[in-house]
Amino acid sequence: MYRFLLTRQWVIITIVAIALIPTMIWLGFWQLHRHDHRQALNKVITTSLAAKPVPVETLTSVGGSVAHDDLYRRVTAKGHFDTDHELVVRRRTNADDQVGYHVVTPFVLDDGRTLLVNRGWIPAPASQTAFPKIPAPAAGEITVTGRLMQDETTAASGIKNVKGLPDRQIMLINSKQVGALLRDSGDPSAKDVLGGYVELLSPAPKNGSPELLPSPKEDTSWIGVDDINLPYAIQWWLFAACVPVGWLILARRELRERATAEQEKAAEQEGEPAAV
């Protein structure tokens, strides 16, 4: 009755179905892992934004890295901006999804160490090779407040670290790479660069440019605002459950079609006149 399952076509269908089930189950758990990671990050963000600002030197060090639990922590630093060695980060978008640059300005602390400060977004100029005109930050000795961030990497951001860019243009904000770039350009204050960087909160720029980066949004619903990972996980598991059901439906339909074909063939043979 089910001997058709041994045909080449049905052997291939069965192998594909067997392979799809564990693959879809794995994809579901992968999406669930991403959901759990998002929820854990939301908890860190909430805690960090609610905490009082602390001196940046207490959470990072020269050549060091920013701890995951300190992400988005508000920090303060006292010193002055070094606009002579300002950089721009290519292919960054603002809140309206317009493509432009992020402005990274070295901030020299009173003790001589350097902190990288992302002052915000500016639109890209017509020429992609010329260095854009950037509104100047507050001059002189000031205290800045910002959100502490980890060094950007290609693995974490998905942004390719393109080489051979025009002068003072970069793809990733990475304190080690930027520090080396600044030292190569002759910046004497870039000898000791603190790990990570900060997104500027205050003092606010004059006339709103560069545009300050928006605060991260906390997920508050049970699946998280804009968190599609949990629904995707459930969807993959439903697909996995549908595979054997679909295989069974196809097999039963094939069985019915073969049975109908055999009945029609038998009826035709019965209706044929006997040979003389």
C-alpha atoms as a PDB file:
ATOM      1  CA  MET A   1       0.000   0.000   0.000  1.00  0.00           C
ATOM      2  CA  TYR A   2       2.728   2.441   1.005  1.00  0.00           C
ATOM      3  CA  ARG A   3       5.411   1.047  -1.285  1.00  0.00           C
ATOM      4  CA  PHE A   4       5.410   4.362  -3.169  1.00  0.00           C
ATOM      5  CA  LEU A   5       7.301   5.800  -0.172  1.00  0.00           C
ATOM      6  CA  LEU A   6      10.343   3.887  -1.430  1.00  0.00           C
ATOM      7  CA  THR A   7      10.363   5.735  -4.744  1.00  0.00           C
ATOM      8  CA  ARG A   8      13.157   8.234  -5.384  1.00  0.00           C
ATOM      9  CA  GLN A   9      10.812  11.214  -5.165  1.00  0.00           C
ATOM     10  CA  TRP A  10       9.387  10.229  -1.788  1.00  0.00           C
ATOM     11  CA  VAL A  11      12.751   9.266  -0.338  1.00  0.00           C
ATOM     12  CA  ILE A  12      13.985  12.801  -1.140  1.00  0.00           C
ATOM     13  CA  ILE A  13      10.834  14.381   0.336  1.00  0.00           C
ATOM     14  CA  THR A  14      11.222  12.352   3.527  1.00  0.00           C
ATOM     15  CA  ILE A  15      14.930  13.191   3.925  1.00  0.00           C
ATOM     16  CA  VAL A  16      14.209  16.914   3.458  1.00  0.00           C
ATOM     17  CA  ALA A  17      11.385  16.758   6.000  1.00  0.00           C
ATOM     18  CA  ILE A  18      13.566  14.965   8.550  1.00  0.00           C
ATOM     19  CA  ALA A  19      16.317  17.575   8.066  1.00  0.00           C
ATOM     20  CA  LEU A  20      13.921  20.515   8.353  1.00  0.00           C
ATOM     21  CA  ILE A  21      12.505  19.557  11.748  1.00  0.00           C
ATOM     22  CA  PRO A  22      15.709  19.871  13.857  1.00  0.00           C
ATOM     23  CA  THR A  23      16.818  22.890  11.799  1.00  0.00           C
ATOM     24  CA  MET A  24      13.605  24.766  12.556  1.00  0.00           C
ATOM     25  CA  ILE A  25      13.744  23.775  16.217  1.00  0.00           C
ATOM     26  CA  TRP A  26      17.319  25.136  16.398  1.00  0.00           C
ATOM     27  CA  LEU A  27      16.252  28.384  14.717  1.00  0.00           C
ATOM     28  CA  GLY A  28      13.492  28.753  17.296  1.00  0.00           C
ATOM     29  CA  PHE A  29      15.949  28.414  20.180  1.00  0.00           C
ATOM     30  CA  TRP A  30      18.308  30.844  18.436  1.00  0.00           C
ATOM     31  CA  GLN A  31      15.538  33.447  18.280  1.00  0.00           C
ATOM     32  CA  LEU A  32      14.665  32.730  21.910  1.00  0.00           C
ATOM     33  CA  HIS A  33      18.305  33.315  22.870  1.00  0.00           C
ATOM     34  CA  ARG A  34      18.218  36.671  21.093  1.00  0.00           C
ATOM     35  CA  HIS A  35      15.001  37.544  22.938  1.00  0.00           C
ATOM     36  CA  ASP A  36      16.590  36.679  26.291  1.00  0.00           C
ATOM     37  CA  HIS A  37      19.665  38.742  25.363  1.00  0.00           C
ATOM     38  CA  ARG A  38      17.444  41.718  24.532  1.00  0.00           C
ATOM     39  CA  GLN A  39      15.602  41.426  27.818  1.00  0.00           C
ATOM     40  CA  ALA A  40      18.866  41.219  29.760  1.00  0.00           C
ATOM     41  CA  LEU A  41      20.193  44.276  27.910  1.00  0.00           C
ATOM     42  CA  ASN A  42      17.001  46.176  28.688  1.00  0.00           C
ATOM     43  CA  LYS A  43      17.556  45.454  32.365  1.00  0.00           C
ATOM     44  CA  VAL A  44      21.113  46.805  32.148  1.00  0.00           C
ATOM     45  CA  ILE A  45      19.885  49.911  30.307  1.00  0.00           C
ATOM     46  CA  THR A  46      17.175  50.591  32.871  1.00  0.00           C
ATOM     47  CA  THR A  47      19.593  50.240  35.770  1.00  0.00           C
ATOM     48  CA  SER A  48      22.267  52.368  34.087  1.00  0.00           C
ATOM     49  CA  LEU A  49      19.959  55.216  33.131  1.00  0.00           C
ATOM     50  CA  ALA A  50      18.485  55.352  36.622  1.00  0.00           C
ATOM     51  CA  ALA A  51      21.888  55.493  38.339  1.00  0.00           C
ATOM     52  CA  LYS A  52      23.560  58.774  39.267  1.00  0.00           C
ATOM     53  CA  PRO A  53      26.432  59.938  37.036  1.00  0.00           C
ATOM     54  CA  VAL A  54      29.920  58.933  38.138  1.00  0.00           C
ATOM     55  CA  PRO A  55      33.380  60.036  36.948  1.00  0.00           C
ATOM     56  CA  VAL A  56      34.284  58.178  33.761  1.00  0.00           C
ATOM     57  CA  GLU A  57      37.653  57.158  35.237  1.00  0.00           C
ATOM     58  CA  THR A  58      35.883  54.888  37.719  1.00  0.00           C
ATOM     59  CA  LEU A  59      34.364  52.683  34.991  1.00  0.00           C
ATOM     60  CA  THR A  60      37.088  52.511  32.340  1.00  0.00           C
ATOM     61  CA  SER A  61      40.841  52.800  32.002  1.00  0.00           C
ATOM     62  CA  VAL A  62      43.546  53.373  29.429  1.00  0.00           C
ATOM     63  CA  GLY A  63      43.563  50.395  27.074  1.00  0.00           C
ATOM     64  CA  GLY A  64      40.744  48.799  29.071  1.00  0.00           C
ATOM     65  CA  SER A  65      37.203  47.858  28.137  1.00  0.00           C
ATOM     66  CA  VAL A  66      33.749  48.829  29.328  1.00  0.00           C
ATOM     67  CA  ALA A  67      31.914  46.144  31.300  1.00  0.00           C
ATOM     68  CA  HIS A  68      28.571  44.959  29.938  1.00  0.00           C
ATOM     69  CA  ASP A  69      26.790  45.999  33.137  1.00  0.00           C
ATOM     70  CA  ASP A  70      28.110  49.557  32.701  1.00  0.00           C
ATOM     71  CA  LEU A  71      26.622  50.061  29.244  1.00  0.00           C
ATOM     72  CA  TYR A  72      24.705  53.355  28.964  1.00  0.00           C
ATOM     73  CA  ARG A  73      25.843  54.367  32.445  1.00  0.00           C
ATOM     74  CA  ARG A  74      25.911  58.134  32.766  1.00  0.00           C
ATOM     75  CA  VAL A  75      29.420  59.408  33.389  1.00  0.00           C
ATOM     76  CA  THR A  76      31.092  62.786  33.768  1.00  0.00           C
ATOM     77  CA  ALA A  77      34.496  64.060  32.686  1.00  0.00           C
ATOM     78  CA  LYS A  78      36.291  67.378  33.221  1.00  0.00           C
ATOM     79  CA  GLY A  79      38.642  68.753  30.599  1.00  0.00           C
ATOM     80  CA  HIS A  80      38.529  70.332  27.125  1.00  0.00           C
ATOM     81  CA  PHE A  81      37.679  69.270  23.573  1.00  0.00           C
ATOM     82  CA  ASP A  82      40.472  68.787  21.048  1.00  0.00           C
ATOM     83  CA  THR A  83      38.760  69.824  17.806  1.00  0.00           C
ATOM     84  CA  ASP A  84      42.022  69.789  15.851  1.00  0.00           C
ATOM     85  CA  HIS A  85      41.886  65.989  15.835  1.00  0.00           C
ATOM     86  CA  GLU A  86      38.142  65.572  15.386  1.00  0.00           C
ATOM     87  CA  LEU A  87      36.906  62.562  13.383  1.00  0.00           C
ATOM     88  CA  VAL A  88      33.674  61.593  11.656  1.00  0.00           C
ATOM     89  CA  VAL A  89      32.106  58.135  11.497  1.00  0.00           C
ATOM     90  CA  ARG A  90      30.606  57.300   8.122  1.00  0.00           C
ATOM     91  CA  ARG A  91      27.220  55.789   7.263  1.00  0.00           C
ATOM     92  CA  ARG A  92      25.350  56.658  10.437  1.00  0.00           C
ATOM     93  CA  THR A  93      21.661  57.539  10.551  1.00  0.00           C
ATOM     94  CA  ASN A  94      19.653  59.933  12.683  1.00  0.00           C
ATOM     95  CA  ALA A  95      16.181  59.475  14.176  1.00  0.00           C
ATOM     96  CA  ASP A  96      14.643  60.111  10.731  1.00  0.00           C
ATOM     97  CA  ASP A  97      16.839  57.444   9.071  1.00  0.00           C
ATOM     98  CA  GLN A  98      18.812  60.072   7.167  1.00  0.00           C
ATOM     99  CA  VAL A  99      22.355  58.949   6.395  1.00  0.00           C
ATOM    100  CA  GLY A 100      25.189  61.119   7.640  1.00  0.00           C
ATOM    101  CA  TYR A 101      28.116  61.151  10.040  1.00  0.00           C
ATOM    102  CA  HIS A 102      28.676  60.833  13.761  1.00  0.00           C
ATOM    103  CA  VAL A 103      31.136  63.376  15.135  1.00  0.00           C
ATOM    104  CA  VAL A 104      33.832  61.973  17.438  1.00  0.00           C
ATOM    105  CA  THR A 105      35.876  64.586  19.262  1.00  0.00           C
ATOM    106  CA  PRO A 106      38.769  63.724  21.599  1.00  0.00           C
ATOM    107  CA  PHE A 107      38.168  65.139  25.069  1.00  0.00           C
ATOM    108  CA  VAL A 108      41.379  65.715  27.017  1.00  0.00           C
ATOM    109  CA  LEU A 109      40.928  65.221  30.750  1.00  0.00           C
ATOM    110  CA  ASP A 110      42.693  67.352  33.340  1.00  0.00           C
ATOM    111  CA  ASP A 111      45.155  64.527  34.010  1.00  0.00           C
ATOM    112  CA  GLY A 112      46.118  64.296  30.319  1.00  0.00           C
ATOM    113  CA  ARG A 113      44.183  61.176  29.417  1.00  0.00           C
ATOM    114  CA  THR A 114      41.868  61.256  26.401  1.00  0.00           C
ATOM    115  CA  LEU A 115      38.205  60.252  26.236  1.00  0.00           C
ATOM    116  CA  LEU A 116      36.431  59.771  22.904  1.00  0.00           C
ATOM    117  CA  VAL A 117      33.143  61.675  22.822  1.00  0.00           C
ATOM    118  CA  ASN A 118      30.462  61.052  20.211  1.00  0.00           C
ATOM    119  CA  ARG A 119      28.942  64.533  19.944  1.00  0.00           C
ATOM    120  CA  GLY A 120      26.084  63.405  17.698  1.00  0.00           C
ATOM    121  CA  TRP A 121      24.897  63.287  14.087  1.00  0.00           C
ATOM    122  CA  ILE A 122      25.436  65.667  11.177  1.00  0.00           C
ATOM    123  CA  PRO A 123      24.219  65.326   7.565  1.00  0.00           C
ATOM    124  CA  ALA A 124      26.693  64.064   5.010  1.00  0.00           C
ATOM    125  CA  PRO A 125      28.091  66.693   2.631  1.00  0.00           C
ATOM    126  CA  ALA A 126      27.834  66.435  -1.138  1.00  0.00           C
ATOM    127  CA  SER A 127      31.450  65.298  -1.336  1.00  0.00           C
ATOM    128  CA  GLN A 128      32.193  62.023   0.449  1.00  0.00           C
ATOM    129  CA  THR A 129      35.920  62.724   0.450  1.00  0.00           C
ATOM    130  CA  ALA A 130      36.000  66.253   1.868  1.00  0.00           C
ATOM    131  CA  PHE A 131      35.934  66.677   5.630  1.00  0.00           C
ATOM    132  CA  PRO A 132      32.576  68.223   6.602  1.00  0.00           C
ATOM    133  CA  LYS A 133      32.088  71.506   8.403  1.00  0.00           C
ATOM    134  CA  ILE A 134      31.237  70.712  12.012  1.00  0.00           C
ATOM    135  CA  PRO A 135      29.789  73.129  14.569  1.00  0.00           C
ATOM    136  CA  ALA A 136      32.318  73.711  17.333  1.00  0.00           C
ATOM    137  CA  PRO A 137      31.705  72.352  20.838  1.00  0.00           C
ATOM    138  CA  ALA A 138      31.882  74.400  24.016  1.00  0.00           C
ATOM    139  CA  ALA A 139      35.368  75.882  24.357  1.00  0.00           C
ATOM    140  CA  GLY A 140      37.673  75.914  27.346  1.00  0.00           C
ATOM    141  CA  GLU A 141      37.536  73.897  30.541  1.00  0.00           C
ATOM    142  CA  ILE A 142      34.144  72.224  30.872  1.00  0.00           C
ATOM    143  CA  THR A 143      32.460  69.195  32.400  1.00  0.00           C
ATOM    144  CA  VAL A 144      30.672  66.855  30.016  1.00  0.00           C
ATOM    145  CA  THR A 145      28.078  64.200  30.793  1.00  0.00           C
ATOM    146  CA  GLY A 146      27.411  61.251  28.543  1.00  0.00           C
ATOM    147  CA  ARG A 147      26.355  57.613  28.236  1.00  0.00           C
ATOM    148  CA  LEU A 148      29.233  55.142  28.452  1.00  0.00           C
ATOM    149  CA  MET A 149      29.525  52.750  25.509  1.00  0.00           C
ATOM    150  CA  GLN A 150      31.714  49.797  24.588  1.00  0.00           C
ATOM    151  CA  ASP A 151      34.178  49.922  21.705  1.00  0.00           C
ATOM    152  CA  GLU A 152      32.487  49.126  18.407  1.00  0.00           C
ATOM    153  CA  THR A 153      33.604  46.032  16.523  1.00  0.00           C
ATOM    154  CA  THR A 154      32.613  44.482  13.212  1.00  0.00           C
ATOM    155  CA  ALA A 155      31.468  41.307  14.980  1.00  0.00           C
ATOM    156  CA  ALA A 156      29.114  43.168  17.314  1.00  0.00           C
ATOM    157  CA  SER A 157      27.861  45.872  14.940  1.00  0.00           C
ATOM    158  CA  GLY A 158      27.978  44.152  11.564  1.00  0.00           C
ATOM    159  CA  ILE A 159      29.719  47.230  10.147  1.00  0.00           C
ATOM    160  CA  LYS A 160      32.666  46.437   7.909  1.00  0.00           C
ATOM    161  CA  ASN A 161      35.795  48.302   8.955  1.00  0.00           C
ATOM    162  CA  VAL A 162      36.680  49.654   5.515  1.00  0.00           C
ATOM    163  CA  LYS A 163      40.291  50.705   5.028  1.00  0.00           C
ATOM    164  CA  GLY A 164      41.686  53.521   2.898  1.00  0.00           C
ATOM    165  CA  LEU A 165      39.055  56.095   3.881  1.00  0.00           C
ATOM    166  CA  PRO A 166      39.578  59.826   3.393  1.00  0.00           C
ATOM    167  CA  ASP A 167      41.531  61.674   6.063  1.00  0.00           C
ATOM    168  CA  ARG A 168      39.874  61.777   9.527  1.00  0.00           C
ATOM    169  CA  GLN A 169      37.039  59.450   8.525  1.00  0.00           C
ATOM    170  CA  ILE A 170      36.395  56.107  10.233  1.00  0.00           C
ATOM    171  CA  MET A 171      33.799  53.340  10.189  1.00  0.00           C
ATOM    172  CA  LEU A 172      33.879  52.198  13.836  1.00  0.00           C
ATOM    173  CA  ILE A 173      34.342  53.991  17.142  1.00  0.00           C
ATOM    174  CA  ASN A 174      37.023  51.826  18.688  1.00  0.00           C
ATOM    175  CA  SER A 175      39.302  53.429  21.260  1.00  0.00           C
ATOM    176  CA  LYS A 176      42.340  51.312  20.402  1.00  0.00           C
ATOM    177  CA  GLN A 177      42.031  51.879  16.661  1.00  0.00           C
ATOM    178  CA  VAL A 178      41.185  55.567  16.998  1.00  0.00           C
ATOM    179  CA  GLY A 179      44.002  56.058  19.508  1.00  0.00           C
ATOM    180  CA  ALA A 180      46.495  54.569  17.061  1.00  0.00           C
ATOM    181  CA  LEU A 181      45.088  56.750  14.265  1.00  0.00           C
ATOM    182  CA  LEU A 182      45.397  59.896  16.370  1.00  0.00           C
ATOM    183  CA  ARG A 183      48.950  59.092  17.396  1.00  0.00           C
ATOM    184  CA  ASP A 184      49.897  58.457  13.782  1.00  0.00           C
ATOM    185  CA  SER A 185      48.468  61.868  12.905  1.00  0.00           C
ATOM    186  CA  GLY A 186      50.736  63.501  15.487  1.00  0.00           C
ATOM    187  CA  ASP A 187      48.273  64.047  18.327  1.00  0.00           C
ATOM    188  CA  PRO A 188      50.419  64.137  21.506  1.00  0.00           C
ATOM    189  CA  SER A 189      47.413  63.919  23.834  1.00  0.00           C
ATOM    190  CA  ALA A 190      46.334  60.551  22.365  1.00  0.00           C
ATOM    191  CA  LYS A 191      49.027  58.603  24.196  1.00  0.00           C
ATOM    192  CA  ASP A 192      46.586  57.482  26.898  1.00  0.00           C
ATOM    193  CA  VAL A 193      43.098  56.844  25.485  1.00  0.00           C
ATOM    194  CA  LEU A 194      40.400  55.505  27.800  1.00  0.00           C
ATOM    195  CA  GLY A 195      38.621  52.357  26.654  1.00  0.00           C
ATOM    196  CA  GLY A 196      35.181  52.744  25.126  1.00  0.00           C
ATOM    197  CA  TYR A 197      33.578  56.095  24.408  1.00  0.00           C
ATOM    198  CA  VAL A 198      30.661  58.244  25.547  1.00  0.00           C
ATOM    199  CA  GLU A 199      27.565  59.561  23.792  1.00  0.00           C
ATOM    200  CA  LEU A 200      27.285  63.224  24.734  1.00  0.00           C
ATOM    201  CA  LEU A 201      24.316  64.373  26.801  1.00  0.00           C
ATOM    202  CA  SER A 202      25.484  67.775  28.023  1.00  0.00           C
ATOM    203  CA  PRO A 203      26.377  70.477  27.406  1.00  0.00           C
ATOM    204  CA  ALA A 204      23.853  70.508  24.570  1.00  0.00           C
ATOM    205  CA  PRO A 205      25.161  71.827  21.227  1.00  0.00           C
ATOM    206  CA  LYS A 206      24.165  75.279  20.073  1.00  0.00           C
ATOM    207  CA  ASN A 207      21.393  75.370  17.460  1.00  0.00           C
ATOM    208  CA  GLY A 208      20.896  71.619  17.863  1.00  0.00           C
ATOM    209  CA  SER A 209      23.875  70.580  15.736  1.00  0.00           C
ATOM    210  CA  PRO A 210      25.334  68.034  15.929  1.00  0.00           C
ATOM    211  CA  GLU A 211      22.090  66.243  16.813  1.00  0.00           C
ATOM    212  CA  LEU A 212      22.456  64.468  20.147  1.00  0.00           C
ATOM    213  CA  LEU A 213      21.895  60.726  19.923  1.00  0.00           C
ATOM    214  CA  PRO A 214      18.547  59.559  21.334  1.00  0.00           C
ATOM    215  CA  SER A 215      18.303  57.621  24.554  1.00  0.00           C
ATOM    216  CA  PRO A 216      17.847  53.847  24.180  1.00  0.00           C
ATOM    217  CA  LYS A 217      14.261  52.724  24.535  1.00  0.00           C
ATOM    218  CA  GLU A 218      13.421  50.258  27.265  1.00  0.00           C
ATOM    219  CA  ASP A 219      11.225  47.282  26.338  1.00  0.00           C
ATOM    220  CA  THR A 220       8.253  47.206  28.700  1.00  0.00           C
ATOM    221  CA  SER A 221       5.858  44.624  27.245  1.00  0.00           C
ATOM    222  CA  TRP A 222       6.187  40.899  27.886  1.00  0.00           C
ATOM    223  CA  ILE A 223       7.726  40.395  24.452  1.00  0.00           C
ATOM    224  CA  GLY A 224       9.320  43.825  24.353  1.00  0.00           C
ATOM    225  CA  VAL A 225       8.505  46.782  22.146  1.00  0.00           C
ATOM    226  CA  ASP A 226       9.732  46.011  18.641  1.00  0.00           C
ATOM    227  CA  ASP A 227      11.030  42.676  19.965  1.00  0.00           C
ATOM    228  CA  ILE A 228      10.152  40.246  17.194  1.00  0.00           C
ATOM    229  CA  ASN A 229      12.512  37.502  18.345  1.00  0.00           C
ATOM    230  CA  LEU A 230      10.059  35.699  20.624  1.00  0.00           C
ATOM    231  CA  PRO A 231       7.264  35.612  18.003  1.00  0.00           C
ATOM    232  CA  TYR A 232       9.831  34.355  15.492  1.00  0.00           C
ATOM    233  CA  ALA A 233      10.889  31.594  17.893  1.00  0.00           C
ATOM    234  CA  ILE A 234       7.283  30.439  18.271  1.00  0.00           C
ATOM    235  CA  GLN A 235       6.833  30.667  14.510  1.00  0.00           C
ATOM    236  CA  TRP A 236       9.833  28.406  13.833  1.00  0.00           C
ATOM    237  CA  TRP A 237       8.570  25.817  16.322  1.00  0.00           C
ATOM    238  CA  LEU A 238       5.141  25.872  14.696  1.00  0.00           C
ATOM    239  CA  PHE A 239       6.803  25.331  11.317  1.00  0.00           C
ATOM    240  CA  ALA A 240       8.685  22.355  12.788  1.00  0.00           C
ATOM    241  CA  ALA A 241       5.413  20.883  14.049  1.00  0.00           C
ATOM    242  CA  CYS A 242       3.786  21.413  10.644  1.00  0.00           C
ATOM    243  CA  VAL A 243       6.446  19.475   8.739  1.00  0.00           C
ATOM    244  CA  PRO A 244       5.365  15.947   9.814  1.00  0.00           C
ATOM    245  CA  VAL A 245       1.714  16.955   9.496  1.00  0.00           C
ATOM    246  CA  GLY A 246       2.350  18.213   5.976  1.00  0.00           C
ATOM    247  CA  TRP A 247       4.305  15.062   5.106  1.00  0.00           C
ATOM    248  CA  LEU A 248       1.426  12.896   6.324  1.00  0.00           C
ATOM    249  CA  ILE A 249      -1.138  14.914   4.346  1.00  0.00           C
ATOM    250  CA  LEU A 250       0.933  14.580   1.168  1.00  0.00           C
ATOM    251  CA  ALA A 251       1.405  10.855   1.716  1.00  0.00           C
ATOM    252  CA  ARG A 252      -2.318  10.249   2.280  1.00  0.00           C
ATOM    253  CA  ARG A 253      -3.185  12.312  -0.811  1.00  0.00           C
ATOM    254  CA  GLU A 254      -0.692  10.322  -2.865  1.00  0.00           C
ATOM    255  CA  LEU A 255      -2.224   7.113  -1.525  1.00  0.00           C
ATOM    256  CA  ARG A 256      -5.740   8.236  -2.484  1.00  0.00           C
ATOM    257  CA  GLU A 257      -4.637   9.296  -5.971  1.00  0.00           C
ATOM    258  CA  ARG A 258      -2.919   5.963  -6.544  1.00  0.00           C
ATOM    259  CA  ALA A 259      -5.948   4.043  -5.268  1.00  0.00           C
ATOM    260  CA  THR A 260      -8.257   6.061  -7.541  1.00  0.00           C
ATOM    261  CA  ALA A 261      -5.967   5.459 -10.504  1.00  0.00           C
ATOM    262  CA  GLU A 262      -5.957   1.709  -9.838  1.00  0.00           C
ATOM    263  CA  GLN A 263      -9.762   1.632  -9.564  1.00  0.00           C
ATOM    264  CA  GLU A 264     -10.142   3.505 -12.838  1.00  0.00           C
ATOM    265  CA  LYS A 265      -7.695   1.156 -14.508  1.00  0.00           C
ATOM    266  CA  ALA A 266      -9.589  -1.894 -13.212  1.00  0.00           C
ATOM    267  CA  ALA A 267     -12.895  -0.416 -14.400  1.00  0.00           C
ATOM    268  CA  GLU A 268     -11.469   0.169 -17.862  1.00  0.00           C
ATOM    269  CA  GLN A 269     -10.240  -3.405 -18.043  1.00  0.00           C
ATOM    270  CA  GLU A 270     -13.648  -4.742 -16.984  1.00  0.00           C
ATOM    271  CA  GLY A 271     -15.335  -2.658 -19.659  1.00  0.00           C
ATOM    272  CA  GLU A 272     -13.142  -3.961 -22.474  1.00  0.00           C
ATOM    273  CA  PRO A 273     -14.770  -6.680 -24.734  1.00  0.00           C
ATOM    274  CA  ALA A 274     -13.469 -10.212 -24.284  1.00  0.00           C
ATOM    275  CA  ALA A 275     -10.961 -11.391 -26.916  1.00  0.00           C
ATOM    276  CA  VAL A 276     -12.429 -13.933 -29.475  1.00  0.00           C
END
